[in-house]
Amino acid sequence: MPFRALGLDPRILQAIQQAGYTEPTPIQTAAIPQVLAGHDLIGIAQTGTGKTAAFTLPILTQLAKEPLGRRRIRVLIIAPTRELVVQIDENVRAYSRHLTLRVATVFGGVGEHAQINALRDGTDIVIATPGRLLDLISRRYGDFSALQFLVLDEADRMLDMGFLPDIRKIVGSLPRQRQTLLFAATFAKEIEALTHQFQRSPKVVQIGRRSNPAETVTQLVYEVPQQLKMNLLLHLLRDPGLNMVLLFARTKHGADKVARKLEQEGIRTATLHSNRSQNQRLRALKDFKSGSARVLVATDIAARGIDVDGISHVVNYDFPKHPEDYVHRIGRTGRAKAVGDALSFATPEDQSVLRSLERFIGRGLVRKRAEGFDYHAPTPIRSAEDARQTQMPRRPMTQSRSPQRNGFNHSRPSHKTAKPSGGFWRRR
């Protein structure tokens, strides 16, 4: 079915064509007519299937029908992260390029002055994160009395991240007569029950199973000891086919550590997590999209705004604790019917969550052993920084504990008890 058969405004069809889209995805084909018909909607589809256009295109068509008058907020789109807000903003501006609409973004991590001015001056569409939006609403910035559309994008993640109280307060300040759309990649039943607080008899559009990862993604698991994960990563990155790699770490500290190691080995790397400033996060995405950074190391929350074409591989350096996170992670590759690879490192400690994931997705994952990799290496690859630290003079030790183990000196002073971490003694 072509886009022109969906009842979209001709100016939007022109913008779609200029953006290079030829036919709608299944979620777009199913959702657009429901939105145009005025229904509240729950849209469930895998990451990378075009959910943003599924709600943006029909909303813009409805706005295009109305005569241009005084600027009032008619559309509010709420998303969990600033990266996703920026991505949605880019899409909205591309699709509305032939319309005379104003779009404003509202999110934390940057100054609020420009955002307050945008709300005061009047705008048609506001795209926001819950925290900053609630702060401005509580200070009476923004007139939402004319609101027609409320969109909760990545609704499952927003509720998982603890935004439900903020969203309740925001929704409570909005007009009751509105059209409310919720879109998500996964939607647990207990979360779905909460949507009845925000919607009226919503239609449900579901593409694929709730727990299905993208079918175009090849999923492999590398079982490896914790202390050899960096060795394995560097070994795999010798393959030039891993040319655009999105790597997931569990924590911000872990992401920084992996990025430093890769940079020390001469692999251009960018980092994306919540401790980075907005400018740093935008620079990281820009470098990754342009190819100047081969690897983007990210945490789950920050990665929700990543919508980058051409990601060749997703690497789960730290295995995700929750199956839903796995589905979201690997959905960053294999987008819109493209092919991709998801490589997951599983330590012995990860076996229980690995089995839980396989039950969740209803299939076993293929175990893979890297050719030419020494799984019995006595020590991990040391960086230049580690080598320099080893050569630095140390204070005299009053007591020796296991003087040599795997090539490391594990001596410690008698007044300090060392604790094991990952198979090696932690350095002071």
Protein backbone atom coordinates (compact mmCIF):
# COMPACT_ATOMS: atom_id res chain seq x y z
CA MET A 1 0.00 0.00 0.00
CA PRO A 2 1.47 3.41 -0.94
CA PHE A 3 1.43 6.39 1.42
CA ARG A 4 -1.08 8.19 -0.81
CA ALA A 5 -3.69 5.53 -0.01
CA LEU A 6 -3.63 6.39 3.70
CA GLY A 7 -5.42 9.74 3.41
CA LEU A 8 -2.47 11.99 4.23
CA ASP A 9 -2.26 15.65 3.24
CA PRO A 10 -0.63 16.19 -0.21
CA ARG A 11 2.01 18.49 1.31
CA ILE A 12 3.00 15.80 3.77
CA LEU A 13 3.12 13.24 0.96
CA GLN A 14 5.54 15.55 -0.84
CA ALA A 15 7.75 15.76 2.27
CA ILE A 16 7.67 11.97 2.67
CA GLN A 17 8.81 11.54 -0.91
CA GLN A 18 11.61 14.06 -0.43
CA ALA A 19 12.71 12.16 2.67
CA GLY A 20 13.15 9.07 0.50
CA TYR A 21 10.30 6.92 1.83
CA THR A 22 8.42 4.87 -0.75
CA GLU A 23 5.93 2.75 1.19
CA PRO A 24 4.67 2.66 4.79
CA THR A 25 5.81 0.10 7.34
CA PRO A 26 3.24 -2.26 8.89
CA ILE A 27 2.83 -0.15 12.03
CA GLN A 28 2.27 2.94 9.88
CA THR A 29 -0.26 1.16 7.67
CA ALA A 30 -2.20 -0.03 10.71
CA ALA A 31 -1.95 3.07 12.92
CA ILE A 32 -2.37 6.02 10.56
CA PRO A 33 -6.03 5.31 9.59
CA GLN A 34 -6.96 4.82 13.27
CA VAL A 35 -5.40 8.16 14.25
CA LEU A 36 -7.05 9.95 11.32
CA ALA A 37 -10.38 8.46 12.43
CA GLY A 38 -9.96 10.15 15.81
CA HIS A 39 -9.40 7.08 17.99
CA ASP A 40 -7.16 6.86 21.02
CA LEU A 41 -4.49 4.32 20.20
CA ILE A 42 -1.99 1.90 21.73
CA GLY A 43 0.68 1.10 19.13
CA ILE A 44 3.02 -1.81 19.82
CA ALA A 45 5.85 -2.61 17.45
CA GLN A 46 9.51 -3.47 17.52
CA THR A 47 12.09 -0.72 17.68
CA GLY A 48 13.06 0.56 14.25
CA THR A 49 9.71 -0.07 12.55
CA GLY A 50 8.71 3.56 12.04
CA LYS A 51 6.56 4.33 15.07
CA THR A 52 7.46 8.05 15.03
CA ALA A 53 6.01 8.53 11.56
CA ALA A 54 3.01 6.38 12.55
CA PHE A 55 1.80 9.12 14.90
CA THR A 56 3.47 12.19 13.37
CA LEU A 57 2.07 11.90 9.84
CA PRO A 58 -1.66 11.66 10.76
CA ILE A 59 -1.34 14.38 13.42
CA LEU A 60 0.26 16.75 10.91
CA THR A 61 -2.50 15.93 8.42
CA GLN A 62 -5.14 16.91 10.97
CA LEU A 63 -3.31 20.15 11.83
CA ALA A 64 -2.99 21.01 8.13
CA LYS A 65 -6.79 21.02 7.79
CA GLU A 66 -7.21 23.87 10.26
CA PRO A 67 -6.86 27.53 9.28
CA LEU A 68 -3.80 29.25 10.66
CA GLY A 69 -4.74 31.43 13.61
CA ARG A 70 -3.20 32.41 16.92
CA ARG A 71 -0.38 30.10 17.89
CA ARG A 72 -1.55 27.73 20.61
CA ILE A 73 -0.17 24.37 21.73
CA ARG A 74 -2.20 21.75 19.91
CA VAL A 75 0.15 18.78 20.16
CA LEU A 76 2.20 17.52 23.10
CA ILE A 77 4.62 14.65 22.55
CA ILE A 78 6.35 13.25 25.65
CA ALA A 79 9.43 11.01 25.39
CA PRO A 80 11.75 9.57 28.06
CA THR A 81 15.11 11.06 26.99
CA ARG A 82 16.39 14.26 25.47
CA GLU A 83 18.03 12.31 22.64
CA LEU A 84 14.66 10.91 21.65
CA VAL A 85 13.10 14.37 21.90
CA VAL A 86 15.72 15.71 19.50
CA GLN A 87 15.16 12.78 17.13
CA ILE A 88 11.38 13.26 17.09
CA ASP A 89 11.89 16.99 16.53
CA GLU A 90 14.03 16.26 13.47
CA ASN A 91 11.36 13.95 12.06
CA VAL A 92 8.50 16.38 12.72
CA ARG A 93 10.36 19.21 11.02
CA ALA A 94 11.16 17.02 8.03
CA TYR A 95 7.56 15.87 7.58
CA SER A 96 6.10 19.37 8.12
CA ARG A 97 8.55 21.22 5.90
CA HIS A 98 5.74 22.41 3.60
CA LEU A 99 3.46 23.48 6.46
CA THR A 100 3.61 26.70 8.49
CA LEU A 101 3.91 25.12 11.91
CA ARG A 102 6.08 25.97 14.89
CA VAL A 103 7.79 23.24 16.90
CA ALA A 104 9.43 23.62 20.32
CA THR A 105 11.49 21.16 22.38
CA VAL A 106 11.60 21.05 26.18
CA PHE A 107 14.18 18.97 28.04
CA GLY A 108 16.71 19.19 30.85
CA GLY A 109 20.47 19.48 30.71
CA VAL A 110 20.34 22.86 28.95
CA GLY A 111 19.21 26.34 29.89
CA GLU A 112 15.49 26.87 30.18
CA HIS A 113 15.32 30.46 28.91
CA ALA A 114 14.85 29.60 25.20
CA GLN A 115 12.28 26.94 26.09
CA ILE A 116 10.27 29.36 28.24
CA ASN A 117 10.32 31.93 25.43
CA ALA A 118 9.08 29.33 22.93
CA LEU A 119 6.15 28.46 25.20
CA ARG A 120 5.34 32.13 25.81
CA ASP A 121 5.54 33.16 22.14
CA GLY A 122 3.20 30.37 21.06
CA THR A 123 3.93 27.12 19.25
CA ASP A 124 1.88 24.40 17.60
CA ILE A 125 3.81 21.33 18.74
CA VAL A 126 5.76 20.73 21.96
CA ILE A 127 8.10 17.74 22.27
CA ALA A 128 9.32 17.24 25.82
CA THR A 129 10.78 15.04 28.52
CA PRO A 130 8.57 14.63 31.62
CA GLY A 131 10.83 16.23 34.23
CA ARG A 132 11.54 19.58 32.59
CA LEU A 133 7.99 19.83 31.22
CA LEU A 134 6.44 19.29 34.65
CA ASP A 135 8.76 21.91 36.12
CA LEU A 136 7.68 24.53 33.57
CA ILE A 137 3.99 23.61 33.83
CA SER A 138 4.14 23.93 37.63
CA ARG A 139 5.47 27.46 37.13
CA ARG A 140 2.58 28.19 34.76
CA TYR A 141 4.56 28.33 31.53
CA GLY A 142 2.68 27.12 28.47
CA ASP A 143 -1.04 27.28 27.65
CA PHE A 144 -2.34 23.77 26.94
CA SER A 145 -6.04 24.68 26.94
CA ALA A 146 -6.29 24.14 23.16
CA LEU A 147 -4.48 20.79 23.19
CA GLN A 148 -5.84 18.25 20.70
CA PHE A 149 -3.23 15.46 20.71
CA LEU A 150 -1.18 13.88 23.50
CA VAL A 151 1.47 11.34 22.49
CA LEU A 152 3.43 9.19 24.95
CA ASP A 153 6.32 7.76 22.95
CA GLU A 154 8.37 4.86 24.38
CA ALA A 155 5.59 4.69 26.97
CA ASP A 156 6.83 1.41 28.43
CA ARG A 157 10.27 2.83 29.10
CA MET A 158 8.92 6.01 30.64
CA LEU A 159 6.88 4.01 33.13
CA ASP A 160 9.79 1.65 33.80
CA MET A 161 12.01 4.66 34.49
CA GLY A 162 9.67 5.90 37.19
CA PHE A 163 8.07 8.75 35.25
CA LEU A 164 4.52 7.65 36.05
CA PRO A 165 3.98 10.21 38.87
CA ASP A 166 5.23 13.04 36.62
CA ILE A 167 3.09 11.88 33.72
CA ARG A 168 0.01 11.69 35.95
CA LYS A 169 0.56 15.29 37.04
CA ILE A 170 1.10 16.46 33.48
CA VAL A 171 -1.95 14.64 32.13
CA GLY A 172 -4.02 15.97 35.01
CA SER A 173 -3.32 19.52 33.85
CA LEU A 174 -4.40 18.85 30.25
CA PRO A 175 -7.89 19.11 28.69
CA ARG A 176 -9.92 15.91 28.99
CA GLN A 177 -11.21 16.23 25.43
CA ARG A 178 -8.16 15.17 23.48
CA GLN A 179 -6.80 12.26 21.43
CA THR A 180 -4.20 10.24 23.33
CA LEU A 181 -1.72 7.95 21.59
CA LEU A 182 0.72 5.59 23.30
CA PHE A 183 3.52 3.91 21.37
CA ALA A 184 5.99 1.34 22.65
CA ALA A 185 8.26 -1.48 21.55
CA THR A 186 7.20 -3.73 24.43
CA PHE A 187 4.14 -3.33 26.60
CA ALA A 188 3.73 -5.51 29.69
CA LYS A 189 0.17 -6.25 30.75
CA GLU A 190 0.52 -4.48 34.09
CA ILE A 191 1.74 -1.35 32.32
CA GLU A 192 -1.02 -1.62 29.73
CA ALA A 193 -3.58 -1.53 32.54
CA LEU A 194 -2.31 1.91 33.54
CA THR A 195 -3.09 3.38 30.13
CA HIS A 196 -6.80 3.36 30.93
CA GLN A 197 -6.06 6.31 33.21
CA PHE A 198 -5.02 8.32 30.17
CA GLN A 199 -7.14 7.00 27.30
CA ARG A 200 -10.75 6.41 26.30
CA SER A 201 -11.54 3.05 24.70
CA PRO A 202 -8.21 2.91 22.87
CA LYS A 203 -7.73 0.86 19.74
CA VAL A 204 -4.77 -1.50 19.90
CA VAL A 205 -2.41 -1.96 16.97
CA GLN A 206 0.18 -4.68 17.53
CA ILE A 207 2.79 -5.67 14.97
CA GLY A 208 4.48 -8.96 15.83
CA ARG A 209 4.69 -10.59 19.24
CA ARG A 210 5.19 -8.36 22.24
CA SER A 211 8.51 -10.00 23.06
CA ASN A 212 9.82 -10.39 19.52
CA PRO A 213 13.19 -8.88 18.67
CA ALA A 214 13.64 -7.67 15.11
CA GLU A 215 13.59 -10.70 12.82
CA THR A 216 16.29 -9.27 10.54
CA VAL A 217 18.85 -9.29 13.37
CA THR A 218 21.24 -12.24 13.71
CA GLN A 219 21.59 -12.94 17.44
CA LEU A 220 24.71 -14.61 18.83
CA VAL A 221 25.93 -15.22 22.36
CA TYR A 222 29.62 -15.39 23.26
CA GLU A 223 30.13 -17.18 26.57
CA VAL A 224 33.24 -15.67 28.12
CA PRO A 225 34.74 -15.16 31.59
CA GLN A 226 34.30 -11.67 33.00
CA GLN A 227 38.03 -10.92 32.98
CA LEU A 228 38.34 -11.75 29.26
CA LYS A 229 35.49 -9.60 27.93
CA MET A 230 37.77 -6.75 26.86
CA ASN A 231 40.12 -9.21 25.18
CA LEU A 232 37.21 -10.68 23.26
CA LEU A 233 35.85 -7.27 22.27
CA LEU A 234 39.21 -6.18 20.88
CA HIS A 235 39.55 -9.51 19.08
CA LEU A 236 36.15 -9.10 17.40
CA LEU A 237 36.87 -5.49 16.45
CA ARG A 238 39.78 -6.68 14.33
CA ASP A 239 37.07 -7.60 11.83
CA PRO A 240 36.54 -4.55 9.58
CA GLY A 241 32.94 -5.72 9.12
CA LEU A 242 32.22 -4.32 12.58
CA ASN A 243 32.31 -0.82 11.16
CA MET A 244 29.48 0.89 13.03
CA VAL A 245 29.12 -0.64 16.48
CA LEU A 246 26.72 0.34 19.23
CA LEU A 247 27.98 -1.13 22.50
CA PHE A 248 25.93 -1.32 25.68
CA ALA A 249 27.42 -1.12 29.15
CA ARG A 250 25.37 -1.54 32.33
CA THR A 251 26.63 1.54 34.18
CA LYS A 252 27.95 5.00 33.39
CA HIS A 253 31.27 4.14 35.02
CA GLY A 254 31.48 0.94 33.00
CA ALA A 255 30.74 2.80 29.77
CA ASP A 256 33.54 5.29 30.45
CA LYS A 257 35.96 2.48 31.29
CA VAL A 258 35.25 0.56 28.08
CA ALA A 259 35.52 3.74 26.00
CA ARG A 260 38.91 4.61 27.52
CA LYS A 261 40.23 1.13 26.79
CA LEU A 262 39.10 1.26 23.17
CA GLU A 263 40.59 4.71 22.64
CA GLN A 264 43.88 3.50 24.12
CA GLU A 265 43.87 0.69 21.56
CA GLY A 266 43.41 3.18 18.72
CA ILE A 267 39.68 2.60 18.14
CA ARG A 268 37.79 5.86 17.75
CA THR A 269 34.99 5.80 20.32
CA ALA A 270 32.16 8.06 21.49
CA THR A 271 30.29 7.81 24.80
CA LEU A 272 26.64 8.41 25.61
CA HIS A 273 25.18 8.37 29.12
CA SER A 274 23.28 10.63 31.49
CA ASN A 275 26.38 12.14 33.11
CA ARG A 276 27.44 13.66 29.81
CA SER A 277 26.35 17.22 29.06
CA GLN A 278 23.82 17.83 26.32
CA ASN A 279 26.53 19.17 23.99
CA GLN A 280 28.69 16.11 24.68
CA ARG A 281 25.79 13.78 23.96
CA LEU A 282 24.89 15.53 20.72
CA ARG A 283 28.57 15.49 19.67
CA ALA A 284 28.78 11.76 20.39
CA LEU A 285 25.74 11.05 18.21
CA LYS A 286 27.06 13.31 15.46
CA ASP A 287 30.46 11.59 15.45
CA PHE A 288 28.82 8.18 15.37
CA LYS A 289 26.40 9.08 12.57
CA SER A 290 29.19 10.62 10.48
CA GLY A 291 31.48 7.64 10.94
CA SER A 292 34.25 9.53 12.68
CA ALA A 293 33.57 7.32 15.72
CA ARG A 294 33.50 3.61 14.95
CA VAL A 295 32.05 2.57 18.32
CA LEU A 296 29.39 4.31 20.40
CA VAL A 297 29.38 3.13 24.03
CA ALA A 298 26.04 3.78 25.73
CA THR A 299 23.84 2.92 28.67
CA ASP A 300 20.24 1.77 28.22
CA ILE A 301 18.52 5.01 29.21
CA ALA A 302 20.65 7.30 27.04
CA ALA A 303 20.40 4.95 24.06
CA ARG A 304 16.63 5.42 23.82
CA GLY A 305 17.22 8.42 21.56
CA ILE A 306 19.50 6.63 19.13
CA ASP A 307 17.91 6.43 15.70
CA VAL A 308 20.86 5.90 13.40
CA ASP A 309 20.76 4.17 10.04
CA GLY A 310 23.49 1.71 9.17
CA ILE A 311 24.41 0.33 12.61
CA SER A 312 26.14 -2.91 11.67
CA HIS A 313 26.39 -4.47 15.11
CA VAL A 314 24.94 -4.10 18.58
CA VAL A 315 27.24 -5.51 21.27
CA ASN A 316 25.85 -6.32 24.71
CA TYR A 317 29.16 -5.99 26.53
CA ASP A 318 27.23 -6.27 29.79
CA PHE A 319 24.35 -8.68 29.44
CA PRO A 320 21.02 -6.91 30.14
CA LYS A 321 19.25 -7.83 33.36
CA HIS A 322 15.77 -7.50 31.88
CA PRO A 323 14.53 -9.19 28.67
CA GLU A 324 12.75 -6.00 27.57
CA ASP A 325 16.08 -4.16 27.63
CA TYR A 326 17.57 -6.80 25.35
CA VAL A 327 14.76 -6.34 22.83
CA HIS A 328 15.21 -2.58 22.87
CA ARG A 329 19.00 -2.81 22.57
CA ILE A 330 19.17 -5.09 19.57
CA GLY A 331 16.39 -3.14 17.88
CA ARG A 332 18.97 -0.41 17.23
CA THR A 333 20.25 -2.54 14.34
CA GLY A 334 18.19 -4.31 11.69
CA ARG A 335 15.96 -1.26 11.47
CA ALA A 336 13.23 -0.95 8.86
CA LYS A 337 13.89 -4.39 7.37
CA ALA A 338 17.67 -3.85 7.16
CA VAL A 339 19.92 -6.65 8.41
CA GLY A 340 22.20 -6.44 11.43
CA ASP A 341 23.98 -8.46 14.09
CA ALA A 342 23.56 -8.54 17.86
CA LEU A 343 26.50 -9.96 19.80
CA SER A 344 26.04 -10.61 23.51
CA PHE A 345 28.77 -11.42 26.03
CA ALA A 346 27.52 -13.83 28.72
CA THR A 347 29.63 -14.61 31.76
CA PRO A 348 28.94 -17.59 34.04
CA GLU A 349 27.05 -15.17 36.31
CA ASP A 350 24.76 -14.22 33.39
CA GLN A 351 23.45 -17.73 32.70
CA SER A 352 20.22 -17.36 34.69
CA VAL A 353 19.22 -14.09 32.98
CA LEU A 354 20.21 -15.59 29.63
CA ARG A 355 17.80 -18.48 30.19
CA SER A 356 15.09 -16.03 31.28
CA LEU A 357 15.60 -14.06 28.07
CA GLU A 358 15.28 -17.20 25.94
CA ARG A 359 12.00 -18.06 27.65
CA PHE A 360 10.79 -14.49 27.11
CA ILE A 361 11.49 -14.43 23.37
CA GLY A 362 10.44 -18.05 22.90
CA ARG A 363 13.66 -19.26 21.31
CA GLY A 364 17.18 -20.29 22.12
CA LEU A 365 20.08 -18.08 21.14
CA VAL A 366 23.00 -19.48 19.17
CA ARG A 367 26.23 -19.83 21.17
CA LYS A 368 29.32 -18.78 19.26
CA ARG A 369 33.04 -19.18 19.88
CA ALA A 370 35.33 -16.59 18.34
CA GLU A 371 37.83 -18.15 15.95
CA GLY A 372 41.43 -17.63 16.95
CA PHE A 373 40.58 -16.29 20.40
CA ASP A 374 42.36 -17.71 23.46
CA TYR A 375 39.65 -18.42 26.01
CA HIS A 376 42.31 -19.55 28.49
CA ALA A 377 44.45 -16.42 28.36
CA PRO A 378 46.03 -15.92 31.80
CA THR A 379 45.61 -12.14 31.86
CA PRO A 380 43.47 -9.54 30.14
CA ILE A 381 45.00 -7.23 27.57
CA ARG A 382 46.60 -4.32 29.38
CA SER A 383 46.28 -0.80 28.12
CA ALA A 384 49.15 1.63 27.86
CA GLU A 385 47.77 3.42 30.92
CA ASP A 386 47.80 0.19 32.94
CA ALA A 387 51.35 -0.46 31.84
CA ARG A 388 52.48 2.98 32.98
CA GLN A 389 50.80 2.48 36.34
CA THR A 390 52.58 -0.85 36.75
CA GLN A 391 55.93 0.85 36.18
CA MET A 392 55.27 3.59 38.75
CA PRO A 393 57.14 3.24 42.08
CA ARG A 394 55.04 1.79 44.87
CA ARG A 395 55.11 2.26 48.62
CA PRO A 396 56.86 -0.55 50.50
CA MET A 397 54.62 -3.47 51.34
CA THR A 398 54.71 -4.84 54.87
CA GLN A 399 53.00 -8.10 54.03
CA SER A 400 52.76 -10.16 50.89
CA ARG A 401 49.61 -11.96 49.81
CA SER A 402 49.79 -14.29 46.79
CA PRO A 403 52.80 -12.46 45.30
CA GLN A 404 52.19 -13.68 41.76
CA ARG A 405 48.85 -14.61 40.22
CA ASN A 406 48.18 -14.46 36.50
CA GLY A 407 51.16 -12.18 36.07
CA PHE A 408 49.93 -9.51 38.53
CA ASN A 409 51.55 -8.53 41.81
CA HIS A 410 48.81 -8.69 44.44
CA SER A 411 50.80 -7.59 47.48
CA ARG A 412 48.91 -5.53 50.03
CA PRO A 413 49.86 -3.74 53.27
CA SER A 414 48.85 -5.62 56.40
CA HIS A 415 46.40 -2.95 57.56
CA LYS A 416 44.25 -3.24 54.44
CA THR A 417 42.31 -6.34 53.43
CA ALA A 418 41.91 -6.79 49.70
CA LYS A 419 38.65 -8.02 48.26
CA PRO A 420 38.33 -10.04 45.07
CA SER A 421 36.63 -8.48 42.05
CA GLY A 422 36.12 -10.35 38.79
CA GLY A 423 38.85 -12.90 39.55
CA PHE A 424 41.61 -10.35 40.22
CA TRP A 425 42.61 -8.32 43.27
CA ARG A 426 41.45 -4.71 43.04
CA ARG A 427 44.30 -2.22 42.81
CA ARG A 428 44.36 0.61 45.31
